[in-house]
N, C-alpha and C. Protein backbone atom coordinates (compact mmCIF):
# COMPACT_ATOMS: atom_id res chain seq x y z
N UNK A 1 125.70 87.67 75.82
CA UNK A 1 126.42 87.39 77.08
C UNK A 1 126.57 85.89 77.26
N UNK A 2 127.78 85.44 77.54
CA UNK A 2 128.04 84.02 77.74
C UNK A 2 127.43 83.54 79.03
N UNK A 3 127.18 82.23 79.09
CA UNK A 3 126.50 81.66 80.25
C UNK A 3 127.25 81.95 81.54
N UNK A 4 128.60 81.95 81.48
CA UNK A 4 129.39 82.17 82.69
C UNK A 4 129.29 83.60 83.18
N UNK A 5 128.82 84.52 82.29
CA UNK A 5 128.73 85.93 82.66
C UNK A 5 127.38 86.31 83.25
N UNK A 6 126.47 85.36 83.34
CA UNK A 6 125.14 85.67 83.85
C UNK A 6 125.22 86.12 85.31
N UNK A 7 124.38 87.10 85.66
CA UNK A 7 124.31 87.57 87.04
C UNK A 7 123.70 86.47 87.90
N UNK A 8 124.37 86.05 88.94
CA UNK A 8 123.83 84.96 89.77
C UNK A 8 122.53 85.37 90.43
N UNK A 9 121.59 84.47 90.46
CA UNK A 9 120.29 84.74 91.08
C UNK A 9 120.44 84.76 92.59
N UNK A 10 119.80 85.75 93.22
CA UNK A 10 119.85 85.85 94.68
C UNK A 10 118.99 84.74 95.27
N UNK A 11 119.53 83.95 96.17
CA UNK A 11 118.75 82.86 96.76
C UNK A 11 117.47 83.37 97.41
N UNK A 12 116.43 82.53 97.37
CA UNK A 12 115.14 82.92 97.92
C UNK A 12 115.25 83.30 99.38
N UNK A 13 116.03 82.56 100.16
CA UNK A 13 116.17 82.86 101.59
C UNK A 13 116.79 84.24 101.80
N UNK A 14 117.79 84.58 100.94
CA UNK A 14 118.43 85.90 101.05
C UNK A 14 117.44 87.00 100.69
N UNK A 15 116.66 86.78 99.61
CA UNK A 15 115.67 87.78 99.22
C UNK A 15 114.66 87.99 100.34
N UNK A 16 114.25 86.89 100.95
CA UNK A 16 113.29 86.97 102.05
C UNK A 16 113.85 87.79 103.21
N UNK A 17 115.13 87.58 103.52
CA UNK A 17 115.77 88.32 104.62
C UNK A 17 115.85 89.81 104.28
N UNK A 18 116.19 90.13 103.03
CA UNK A 18 116.30 91.53 102.62
C UNK A 18 114.96 92.24 102.66
N UNK A 19 113.88 91.49 102.46
CA UNK A 19 112.54 92.07 102.43
C UNK A 19 111.93 92.24 103.82
N UNK A 20 112.54 91.64 104.82
CA UNK A 20 111.91 91.60 106.14
C UNK A 20 111.64 92.97 106.75
N UNK A 21 112.59 93.92 106.71
CA UNK A 21 112.28 95.23 107.31
C UNK A 21 111.05 95.88 106.68
N UNK A 22 110.93 95.83 105.35
CA UNK A 22 109.77 96.41 104.68
C UNK A 22 108.48 95.68 105.06
N UNK A 23 108.56 94.36 105.18
CA UNK A 23 107.38 93.58 105.57
C UNK A 23 106.96 93.90 106.99
N UNK A 24 107.92 94.08 107.88
CA UNK A 24 107.62 94.44 109.27
C UNK A 24 106.99 95.83 109.33
N UNK A 25 107.52 96.77 108.55
CA UNK A 25 106.97 98.13 108.52
C UNK A 25 105.54 98.12 108.01
N UNK A 26 105.28 97.37 106.95
CA UNK A 26 103.92 97.27 106.42
C UNK A 26 102.97 96.67 107.46
N UNK A 27 103.44 95.65 108.16
CA UNK A 27 102.60 95.02 109.19
C UNK A 27 102.34 95.98 110.34
N UNK A 28 103.36 96.74 110.74
CA UNK A 28 103.19 97.71 111.82
C UNK A 28 102.20 98.79 111.43
N UNK A 29 102.29 99.26 110.19
CA UNK A 29 101.34 100.27 109.73
C UNK A 29 99.92 99.76 109.85
N UNK A 30 99.68 98.54 109.44
CA UNK A 30 98.34 97.97 109.55
C UNK A 30 97.87 97.87 110.99
N UNK A 31 98.76 97.48 111.89
CA UNK A 31 98.39 97.35 113.30
C UNK A 31 98.14 98.72 113.93
N UNK A 32 98.99 99.71 113.62
CA UNK A 32 98.79 101.04 114.18
C UNK A 32 97.46 101.64 113.72
N UNK A 33 97.14 101.48 112.45
CA UNK A 33 95.90 102.02 111.90
C UNK A 33 94.69 101.32 112.54
N UNK A 34 94.79 100.02 112.72
CA UNK A 34 93.65 99.25 113.24
C UNK A 34 93.48 99.41 114.75
N UNK A 35 94.59 99.44 115.50
CA UNK A 35 94.50 99.37 116.96
C UNK A 35 94.98 100.62 117.69
N UNK A 36 95.69 101.52 117.00
CA UNK A 36 96.32 102.63 117.69
C UNK A 36 97.68 102.23 118.23
N UNK A 37 98.40 103.21 118.75
CA UNK A 37 99.77 102.95 119.20
C UNK A 37 99.79 102.15 120.50
N UNK A 38 99.02 102.59 121.49
CA UNK A 38 99.07 101.94 122.80
C UNK A 38 98.67 100.48 122.74
N UNK A 39 97.64 100.18 121.94
CA UNK A 39 97.10 98.82 121.91
C UNK A 39 97.86 97.89 120.96
N UNK A 40 98.75 98.44 120.16
CA UNK A 40 99.52 97.60 119.24
C UNK A 40 100.62 96.86 120.01
N UNK A 41 100.68 95.57 119.84
CA UNK A 41 101.71 94.74 120.47
C UNK A 41 102.71 94.30 119.41
N UNK A 42 103.98 94.34 119.79
CA UNK A 42 105.00 93.94 118.84
C UNK A 42 104.86 92.48 118.44
N UNK A 43 104.33 91.68 119.33
CA UNK A 43 104.10 90.27 118.99
C UNK A 43 103.07 90.15 117.88
N UNK A 44 102.05 91.03 117.89
CA UNK A 44 101.04 91.01 116.83
C UNK A 44 101.63 91.50 115.51
N UNK A 45 102.51 92.49 115.59
CA UNK A 45 103.19 92.97 114.38
C UNK A 45 104.03 91.84 113.79
N UNK A 46 104.78 91.14 114.64
CA UNK A 46 105.62 90.05 114.17
C UNK A 46 104.78 88.96 113.51
N UNK A 47 103.67 88.62 114.16
CA UNK A 47 102.81 87.58 113.59
C UNK A 47 102.25 88.01 112.24
N UNK A 48 101.84 89.26 112.15
CA UNK A 48 101.28 89.77 110.90
C UNK A 48 102.35 89.80 109.79
N UNK A 49 103.60 90.06 110.17
CA UNK A 49 104.68 90.09 109.20
C UNK A 49 105.22 88.70 108.87
N UNK A 50 104.80 87.71 109.63
CA UNK A 50 105.26 86.35 109.38
C UNK A 50 106.66 86.07 109.88
N UNK A 51 107.03 86.77 110.98
CA UNK A 51 108.36 86.54 111.57
C UNK A 51 108.18 86.30 113.06
N UNK A 52 109.23 85.76 113.69
CA UNK A 52 109.19 85.61 115.13
C UNK A 52 109.54 86.94 115.77
N UNK A 53 109.16 87.12 117.02
CA UNK A 53 109.37 88.40 117.70
C UNK A 53 110.85 88.76 117.78
N UNK A 54 111.71 87.76 117.94
CA UNK A 54 113.13 88.02 118.01
C UNK A 54 113.67 88.64 116.73
N UNK A 55 113.11 88.22 115.60
CA UNK A 55 113.53 88.80 114.32
C UNK A 55 113.13 90.26 114.24
N UNK A 56 111.94 90.59 114.73
CA UNK A 56 111.50 91.98 114.73
C UNK A 56 112.46 92.85 115.55
N UNK A 57 112.85 92.36 116.72
CA UNK A 57 113.75 93.13 117.59
C UNK A 57 115.13 93.28 116.96
N UNK A 58 115.49 92.41 116.04
CA UNK A 58 116.76 92.52 115.36
C UNK A 58 116.83 93.79 114.51
N UNK A 59 115.66 94.22 114.02
CA UNK A 59 115.60 95.41 113.17
C UNK A 59 115.10 96.65 113.92
N UNK A 60 114.22 96.45 114.89
CA UNK A 60 113.60 97.58 115.61
C UNK A 60 113.59 97.25 117.09
N UNK A 61 114.36 98.02 117.86
CA UNK A 61 114.53 97.71 119.27
C UNK A 61 113.31 98.05 120.11
N UNK A 62 112.55 99.08 119.69
CA UNK A 62 111.39 99.52 120.47
C UNK A 62 110.22 99.78 119.53
N UNK A 63 109.06 99.93 120.13
CA UNK A 63 107.87 100.26 119.33
C UNK A 63 107.99 101.66 118.76
N UNK A 64 108.64 102.56 119.50
CA UNK A 64 108.85 103.92 118.99
C UNK A 64 109.75 103.91 117.75
N UNK A 65 110.80 103.08 117.78
CA UNK A 65 111.69 102.97 116.62
C UNK A 65 110.93 102.41 115.41
N UNK A 66 110.05 101.48 115.66
CA UNK A 66 109.23 100.92 114.58
C UNK A 66 108.27 101.98 114.04
N UNK A 67 107.70 102.78 114.92
CA UNK A 67 106.80 103.85 114.48
C UNK A 67 107.57 104.87 113.63
N UNK A 68 108.78 105.19 114.02
CA UNK A 68 109.59 106.13 113.25
C UNK A 68 109.82 105.59 111.83
N UNK A 69 110.08 104.31 111.73
CA UNK A 69 110.30 103.69 110.42
C UNK A 69 109.02 103.75 109.57
N UNK A 70 107.88 103.54 110.21
CA UNK A 70 106.60 103.64 109.51
C UNK A 70 106.39 105.06 108.99
N UNK A 71 106.67 106.05 109.81
CA UNK A 71 106.48 107.44 109.43
C UNK A 71 107.41 107.81 108.27
N UNK A 72 108.65 107.37 108.33
CA UNK A 72 109.59 107.65 107.24
C UNK A 72 109.10 107.04 105.94
N UNK A 73 108.55 105.84 106.03
CA UNK A 73 108.01 105.17 104.85
C UNK A 73 106.85 105.97 104.25
N UNK A 74 105.96 106.46 105.10
CA UNK A 74 104.81 107.22 104.62
C UNK A 74 105.21 108.56 104.03
N UNK A 75 106.21 109.19 104.61
CA UNK A 75 106.57 110.54 104.22
C UNK A 75 107.44 110.59 102.97
N UNK A 76 108.13 109.54 102.66
CA UNK A 76 109.11 109.57 101.57
C UNK A 76 108.49 110.05 100.26
N UNK A 77 107.32 109.54 99.93
CA UNK A 77 106.71 109.90 98.64
C UNK A 77 106.25 111.35 98.63
N UNK A 78 105.71 111.84 99.74
CA UNK A 78 105.26 113.23 99.79
C UNK A 78 106.42 114.20 99.59
N UNK A 79 107.55 113.92 100.22
CA UNK A 79 108.71 114.79 100.05
C UNK A 79 109.20 114.76 98.61
N UNK A 80 109.18 113.58 98.01
CA UNK A 80 109.61 113.47 96.61
C UNK A 80 108.69 114.27 95.70
N UNK A 81 107.39 114.23 95.98
CA UNK A 81 106.42 114.98 95.18
C UNK A 81 106.68 116.48 95.29
N UNK A 82 106.89 116.95 96.52
CA UNK A 82 107.12 118.38 96.73
C UNK A 82 108.39 118.84 96.05
N UNK A 83 109.46 118.07 96.21
CA UNK A 83 110.73 118.45 95.59
C UNK A 83 110.62 118.48 94.07
N UNK A 84 109.99 117.47 93.50
CA UNK A 84 109.88 117.39 92.05
C UNK A 84 109.07 118.54 91.50
N UNK A 85 107.96 118.86 92.17
CA UNK A 85 107.09 119.93 91.69
C UNK A 85 107.76 121.29 91.80
N UNK A 86 108.58 121.48 92.82
CA UNK A 86 109.16 122.80 93.05
C UNK A 86 110.49 123.05 92.39
N UNK A 87 111.26 122.00 92.14
CA UNK A 87 112.62 122.21 91.68
C UNK A 87 112.88 121.77 90.25
N UNK A 88 112.00 120.95 89.69
CA UNK A 88 112.26 120.45 88.34
C UNK A 88 112.28 121.60 87.34
N UNK A 89 113.44 121.81 86.73
CA UNK A 89 113.63 122.87 85.72
C UNK A 89 113.30 124.25 86.27
N UNK A 90 113.25 124.39 87.61
CA UNK A 90 112.95 125.68 88.23
C UNK A 90 111.70 126.31 87.61
N UNK A 91 110.63 125.55 87.55
CA UNK A 91 109.41 126.04 86.93
C UNK A 91 108.85 127.20 87.76
N UNK A 92 108.09 128.10 87.12
CA UNK A 92 107.54 129.24 87.85
C UNK A 92 106.71 128.80 89.05
N UNK A 93 106.73 129.61 90.09
CA UNK A 93 106.02 129.29 91.32
C UNK A 93 104.53 129.09 91.07
N UNK A 94 103.94 129.91 90.20
CA UNK A 94 102.51 129.81 89.92
C UNK A 94 102.14 128.48 89.29
N UNK A 95 103.09 127.82 88.64
CA UNK A 95 102.84 126.50 88.08
C UNK A 95 103.16 125.40 89.09
N UNK A 96 104.18 125.65 89.91
CA UNK A 96 104.60 124.63 90.88
C UNK A 96 103.54 124.38 91.95
N UNK A 97 102.90 125.44 92.42
CA UNK A 97 101.97 125.30 93.55
C UNK A 97 100.78 124.39 93.24
N UNK A 98 100.00 124.64 92.18
CA UNK A 98 98.87 123.74 91.93
C UNK A 98 99.31 122.31 91.63
N UNK A 99 100.44 122.16 90.95
CA UNK A 99 100.94 120.81 90.67
C UNK A 99 101.30 120.09 91.95
N UNK A 100 102.03 120.77 92.82
CA UNK A 100 102.48 120.18 94.07
C UNK A 100 101.30 119.82 94.98
N UNK A 101 100.38 120.76 95.17
CA UNK A 101 99.26 120.51 96.06
C UNK A 101 98.37 119.38 95.55
N UNK A 102 98.16 119.34 94.24
CA UNK A 102 97.32 118.28 93.67
C UNK A 102 97.99 116.92 93.83
N UNK A 103 99.28 116.86 93.59
CA UNK A 103 99.99 115.58 93.74
C UNK A 103 100.01 115.12 95.19
N UNK A 104 100.21 116.07 96.10
CA UNK A 104 100.19 115.71 97.52
C UNK A 104 98.79 115.21 97.92
N UNK A 105 97.75 115.90 97.45
CA UNK A 105 96.38 115.48 97.76
C UNK A 105 96.12 114.07 97.24
N UNK A 106 96.62 113.78 96.05
CA UNK A 106 96.41 112.46 95.45
C UNK A 106 97.16 111.40 96.25
N UNK A 107 98.38 111.73 96.67
CA UNK A 107 99.18 110.78 97.44
C UNK A 107 98.55 110.52 98.81
N UNK A 108 98.20 111.58 99.50
CA UNK A 108 97.60 111.45 100.84
C UNK A 108 96.26 110.73 100.77
N UNK A 109 95.49 111.04 99.74
CA UNK A 109 94.16 110.45 99.63
C UNK A 109 94.16 108.95 99.42
N UNK A 110 95.28 108.40 98.95
CA UNK A 110 95.36 106.96 98.71
C UNK A 110 96.31 106.27 99.68
N UNK A 111 96.64 106.94 100.78
CA UNK A 111 97.58 106.37 101.74
C UNK A 111 96.94 106.28 103.13
N UNK A 112 97.71 105.78 104.08
CA UNK A 112 97.26 105.67 105.46
C UNK A 112 97.70 106.87 106.29
N UNK A 113 98.22 107.91 105.65
CA UNK A 113 98.69 109.07 106.39
C UNK A 113 97.60 109.69 107.26
N UNK A 114 96.37 109.92 106.75
CA UNK A 114 95.34 110.52 107.61
C UNK A 114 95.08 109.72 108.88
N UNK A 115 95.06 108.40 108.77
CA UNK A 115 94.79 107.56 109.94
C UNK A 115 95.93 107.68 110.96
N UNK A 116 97.16 107.76 110.49
CA UNK A 116 98.29 107.90 111.40
C UNK A 116 98.29 109.27 112.06
N UNK A 117 97.94 110.31 111.30
CA UNK A 117 97.84 111.66 111.88
C UNK A 117 96.82 111.66 113.01
N UNK A 118 95.69 111.06 112.76
CA UNK A 118 94.65 111.00 113.80
C UNK A 118 95.15 110.26 115.03
N UNK A 119 95.89 109.17 114.83
CA UNK A 119 96.43 108.41 115.95
C UNK A 119 97.41 109.26 116.76
N UNK A 120 98.27 110.01 116.06
CA UNK A 120 99.25 110.86 116.75
C UNK A 120 98.54 111.90 117.60
N UNK A 121 97.51 112.55 117.03
CA UNK A 121 96.77 113.56 117.78
C UNK A 121 96.07 112.96 119.00
N UNK A 122 95.55 111.75 118.85
CA UNK A 122 94.79 111.14 119.93
C UNK A 122 95.69 110.62 121.05
N UNK A 123 96.91 110.19 120.72
CA UNK A 123 97.73 109.49 121.71
C UNK A 123 99.02 110.22 122.09
N UNK A 124 99.26 111.38 121.51
CA UNK A 124 100.53 112.05 121.79
C UNK A 124 100.63 112.57 123.21
N UNK A 125 99.50 112.80 123.88
CA UNK A 125 99.56 113.22 125.28
C UNK A 125 100.12 112.10 126.15
N UNK A 126 99.71 110.87 125.86
CA UNK A 126 100.22 109.72 126.62
C UNK A 126 101.58 109.27 126.14
N UNK A 127 101.85 109.50 124.84
CA UNK A 127 103.13 109.10 124.25
C UNK A 127 103.72 110.29 123.53
N UNK A 128 104.39 111.20 124.26
CA UNK A 128 104.93 112.43 123.65
C UNK A 128 105.90 112.16 122.50
N UNK A 129 106.56 111.01 122.52
CA UNK A 129 107.51 110.70 121.45
C UNK A 129 106.81 110.62 120.10
N UNK A 130 105.53 110.29 120.07
CA UNK A 130 104.82 110.21 118.80
C UNK A 130 104.81 111.57 118.11
N UNK A 131 104.49 112.61 118.87
CA UNK A 131 104.46 113.95 118.30
C UNK A 131 105.86 114.38 117.85
N UNK A 132 106.87 114.06 118.66
CA UNK A 132 108.23 114.43 118.31
C UNK A 132 108.68 113.74 117.02
N UNK A 133 108.36 112.46 116.91
CA UNK A 133 108.73 111.70 115.71
C UNK A 133 108.01 112.27 114.49
N UNK A 134 106.71 112.54 114.63
CA UNK A 134 105.94 113.07 113.50
C UNK A 134 106.49 114.43 113.07
N UNK A 135 106.84 115.25 114.05
CA UNK A 135 107.40 116.57 113.72
C UNK A 135 108.74 116.42 113.01
N UNK A 136 109.62 115.60 113.58
CA UNK A 136 110.98 115.48 113.05
C UNK A 136 111.01 114.82 111.68
N UNK A 137 110.14 113.85 111.45
CA UNK A 137 110.20 113.07 110.22
C UNK A 137 109.25 113.57 109.13
N UNK A 138 108.20 114.32 109.52
CA UNK A 138 107.20 114.75 108.54
C UNK A 138 107.11 116.26 108.45
N UNK A 139 106.76 116.90 109.57
CA UNK A 139 106.49 118.34 109.55
C UNK A 139 107.73 119.14 109.19
N UNK A 140 108.83 118.92 109.91
CA UNK A 140 110.05 119.71 109.67
C UNK A 140 110.61 119.52 108.26
N UNK A 141 110.75 118.28 107.76
CA UNK A 141 111.27 118.13 106.39
C UNK A 141 110.37 118.76 105.33
N UNK A 142 109.04 118.60 105.49
CA UNK A 142 108.13 119.19 104.51
C UNK A 142 108.20 120.71 104.53
N UNK A 143 108.23 121.30 105.72
CA UNK A 143 108.35 122.75 105.81
C UNK A 143 109.69 123.23 105.24
N UNK A 144 110.73 122.44 105.45
CA UNK A 144 112.04 122.80 104.90
C UNK A 144 112.01 122.84 103.38
N UNK A 145 111.38 121.84 102.78
CA UNK A 145 111.28 121.80 101.31
C UNK A 145 110.46 122.97 100.80
N UNK A 146 109.29 123.20 101.41
CA UNK A 146 108.42 124.29 100.96
C UNK A 146 109.08 125.65 101.17
N UNK A 147 109.77 125.80 102.31
CA UNK A 147 110.45 127.07 102.58
C UNK A 147 111.52 127.34 101.53
N UNK A 148 112.26 126.31 101.14
CA UNK A 148 113.28 126.47 100.12
C UNK A 148 112.67 126.86 98.78
N UNK A 149 111.55 126.23 98.43
CA UNK A 149 110.87 126.55 97.17
C UNK A 149 110.41 128.00 97.17
N UNK A 150 109.82 128.42 98.29
CA UNK A 150 109.31 129.79 98.39
C UNK A 150 110.45 130.80 98.41
N UNK A 151 111.53 130.49 99.12
CA UNK A 151 112.69 131.39 99.14
C UNK A 151 113.24 131.58 97.74
N UNK A 152 113.31 130.50 96.98
CA UNK A 152 113.78 130.60 95.61
C UNK A 152 112.87 131.47 94.76
N UNK A 153 111.56 131.32 94.96
CA UNK A 153 110.60 132.13 94.21
C UNK A 153 110.69 133.60 94.60
N UNK A 154 110.95 133.86 95.89
CA UNK A 154 111.14 135.25 96.33
C UNK A 154 112.38 135.84 95.68
N UNK A 155 113.44 135.07 95.59
CA UNK A 155 114.68 135.56 94.98
C UNK A 155 114.48 135.87 93.50
N UNK A 156 113.56 135.15 92.86
CA UNK A 156 113.28 135.39 91.44
C UNK A 156 112.24 136.49 91.24
N UNK A 157 111.75 137.06 92.34
CA UNK A 157 110.76 138.12 92.24
C UNK A 157 109.36 137.65 91.95
N UNK A 158 109.04 136.38 92.30
CA UNK A 158 107.73 135.83 92.01
C UNK A 158 106.79 135.85 93.23
N UNK A 159 107.36 135.92 94.43
CA UNK A 159 106.56 135.84 95.65
C UNK A 159 106.84 137.07 96.50
N UNK A 160 105.78 137.57 97.13
CA UNK A 160 105.88 138.78 97.95
C UNK A 160 106.82 138.56 99.13
N UNK A 161 107.42 139.65 99.65
CA UNK A 161 108.29 139.54 100.83
C UNK A 161 107.52 138.97 102.03
N UNK A 162 108.27 138.43 102.95
CA UNK A 162 107.69 137.84 104.16
C UNK A 162 108.48 136.61 104.54
N UNK A 163 108.27 136.15 105.76
CA UNK A 163 108.94 134.96 106.25
C UNK A 163 108.52 133.76 105.40
N UNK A 164 109.44 133.14 104.66
CA UNK A 164 109.04 132.02 103.81
C UNK A 164 108.47 130.84 104.58
N UNK A 165 108.85 130.68 105.85
CA UNK A 165 108.29 129.61 106.67
C UNK A 165 106.81 129.86 106.94
N UNK A 166 106.44 131.12 107.17
CA UNK A 166 105.03 131.44 107.38
C UNK A 166 104.24 131.29 106.09
N UNK A 167 104.86 131.68 104.97
CA UNK A 167 104.21 131.44 103.68
C UNK A 167 103.97 129.93 103.48
N UNK A 168 104.95 129.12 103.89
CA UNK A 168 104.81 127.66 103.75
C UNK A 168 103.65 127.14 104.59
N UNK A 169 103.50 127.67 105.79
CA UNK A 169 102.38 127.26 106.64
C UNK A 169 101.05 127.64 106.00
N UNK A 170 100.99 128.84 105.41
CA UNK A 170 99.76 129.27 104.73
C UNK A 170 99.45 128.37 103.54
N UNK A 171 100.50 127.89 102.89
CA UNK A 171 100.33 127.07 101.70
C UNK A 171 99.79 125.68 102.04
N UNK A 172 100.36 125.07 103.07
CA UNK A 172 100.04 123.68 103.36
C UNK A 172 98.95 123.50 104.41
N UNK A 173 98.68 124.56 105.21
CA UNK A 173 97.73 124.44 106.32
C UNK A 173 96.35 123.91 105.94
N UNK A 174 95.69 124.50 104.93
CA UNK A 174 94.37 124.00 104.56
C UNK A 174 94.37 122.55 104.09
N UNK A 175 95.47 122.10 103.48
CA UNK A 175 95.55 120.71 103.05
C UNK A 175 95.61 119.77 104.25
N UNK A 176 96.35 120.18 105.28
CA UNK A 176 96.41 119.38 106.50
C UNK A 176 95.04 119.31 107.18
N UNK A 177 94.36 120.46 107.23
CA UNK A 177 93.03 120.49 107.84
C UNK A 177 92.04 119.63 107.05
N UNK A 178 92.14 119.69 105.71
CA UNK A 178 91.27 118.86 104.89
C UNK A 178 91.53 117.38 105.11
N UNK A 179 92.78 117.01 105.27
CA UNK A 179 93.14 115.61 105.53
C UNK A 179 92.53 115.14 106.84
N UNK A 180 92.64 115.96 107.89
CA UNK A 180 92.07 115.60 109.19
C UNK A 180 90.55 115.54 109.12
N UNK A 181 89.95 116.48 108.41
CA UNK A 181 88.49 116.51 108.28
C UNK A 181 87.99 115.20 107.69
N UNK A 182 88.63 114.76 106.62
CA UNK A 182 88.20 113.51 105.97
C UNK A 182 88.34 112.32 106.90
N UNK A 183 89.42 112.29 107.66
CA UNK A 183 89.65 111.14 108.54
C UNK A 183 88.68 111.12 109.71
N UNK A 184 88.44 112.28 110.31
CA UNK A 184 87.55 112.34 111.48
C UNK A 184 86.10 112.05 111.10
N UNK A 185 85.67 112.59 109.96
CA UNK A 185 84.27 112.46 109.58
C UNK A 185 84.05 111.43 108.48
N UNK A 186 85.01 110.53 108.30
CA UNK A 186 84.88 109.50 107.27
C UNK A 186 83.62 108.67 107.49
N UNK A 187 82.84 108.50 106.42
CA UNK A 187 81.64 107.69 106.50
C UNK A 187 80.41 108.43 106.98
N UNK A 188 80.55 109.69 107.39
CA UNK A 188 79.39 110.45 107.86
C UNK A 188 78.80 111.25 106.71
N UNK A 189 77.69 111.93 107.00
CA UNK A 189 77.03 112.74 105.97
C UNK A 189 77.85 113.97 105.62
N UNK A 190 78.87 114.27 106.44
CA UNK A 190 79.72 115.43 106.17
C UNK A 190 80.90 115.10 105.25
N UNK A 191 80.94 113.87 104.75
CA UNK A 191 82.07 113.43 103.94
C UNK A 191 81.89 113.92 102.49
N UNK A 192 81.91 115.24 102.31
CA UNK A 192 81.69 115.83 100.99
C UNK A 192 82.99 116.33 100.36
N UNK A 193 84.05 116.38 101.15
CA UNK A 193 85.27 117.04 100.72
C UNK A 193 86.11 116.15 99.82
N UNK A 194 86.59 116.72 98.73
CA UNK A 194 87.53 116.05 97.84
C UNK A 194 88.87 116.79 97.93
N UNK A 195 89.93 116.10 98.33
CA UNK A 195 91.22 116.75 98.55
C UNK A 195 91.79 117.37 97.28
N UNK A 196 91.57 116.74 96.15
CA UNK A 196 92.10 117.30 94.91
C UNK A 196 91.36 118.59 94.53
N UNK A 197 90.05 118.62 94.76
CA UNK A 197 89.30 119.86 94.52
C UNK A 197 89.80 120.97 95.45
N UNK A 198 90.03 120.60 96.71
CA UNK A 198 90.55 121.58 97.68
C UNK A 198 91.91 122.09 97.22
N UNK A 199 92.77 121.19 96.77
CA UNK A 199 94.11 121.58 96.32
C UNK A 199 94.04 122.59 95.18
N UNK A 200 93.18 122.33 94.21
CA UNK A 200 93.09 123.21 93.04
C UNK A 200 92.53 124.58 93.41
N UNK A 201 91.48 124.60 94.24
CA UNK A 201 90.89 125.89 94.61
C UNK A 201 91.82 126.66 95.55
N UNK A 202 92.43 125.96 96.49
CA UNK A 202 93.34 126.64 97.42
C UNK A 202 94.54 127.22 96.68
N UNK A 203 95.03 126.51 95.68
CA UNK A 203 96.17 127.02 94.91
C UNK A 203 95.84 128.37 94.28
N UNK A 204 94.64 128.50 93.75
CA UNK A 204 94.22 129.77 93.15
C UNK A 204 94.15 130.86 94.21
N UNK A 205 93.56 130.53 95.35
CA UNK A 205 93.37 131.51 96.42
C UNK A 205 94.70 131.97 97.02
N UNK A 206 95.56 131.00 97.35
CA UNK A 206 96.80 131.35 98.03
C UNK A 206 97.76 132.09 97.10
N UNK A 207 97.73 131.77 95.82
CA UNK A 207 98.61 132.45 94.88
C UNK A 207 98.26 133.94 94.75
N UNK A 208 96.97 134.25 94.88
CA UNK A 208 96.57 135.66 94.81
C UNK A 208 97.21 136.48 95.92
N UNK A 209 97.40 135.85 97.08
CA UNK A 209 97.98 136.56 98.22
C UNK A 209 99.49 136.54 98.23
N UNK A 210 100.11 135.51 97.62
CA UNK A 210 101.55 135.35 97.72
C UNK A 210 102.32 135.91 96.53
N UNK A 211 101.70 135.96 95.37
CA UNK A 211 102.42 136.41 94.19
C UNK A 211 102.76 137.90 94.27
N UNK A 212 103.94 138.22 93.82
CA UNK A 212 104.39 139.62 93.80
C UNK A 212 103.85 140.26 92.54
N UNK A 213 103.03 141.29 92.72
CA UNK A 213 102.41 141.95 91.59
C UNK A 213 103.40 142.87 90.89
N UNK A 214 103.40 142.87 89.55
CA UNK A 214 104.31 143.75 88.83
C UNK A 214 103.97 145.22 89.03
């Protein structure tokens, strides 16, 4: 490639501007985890992100809008994991379930999702929008993906009849409870639970009830 054909380098100032929303989201996540929703101040988020408050408002008009962006950031990888495990090459349901649950356990176990879930449960009475945002951005999309996977497996004759949404709740419920258990009792003598172990054992148990016997 000739020198004149080289791709021009993006100026540092432009790169910095393009990175600002992600930096603000990361800073907000840290503040929410450390202080909770009510006690988090947008000025503290701005300071942590290294921007002035006016810049933060340019991207996020309210604290609720910023929280929604944080939730979308946290959920993106989990949805990708579920979709990949369930739809790649239309693998059999009995193989998709343990793979999906284990990957979700691994993702959740190394993220701030448990801390945010705990915050939502603790503060949603005072801030109802938190629960609505968590439902709309996390619960509903995940159930939609799982329901589609289960519906497909039912159509292939792999899963017993029944409401696929209820099957999805049965599939993911123990993982959610395990996530909350670890967050609530973190650091105590009851901290014996390993999410990946739970995922593997639950996959065996739930498949016995959901698989359509020949």
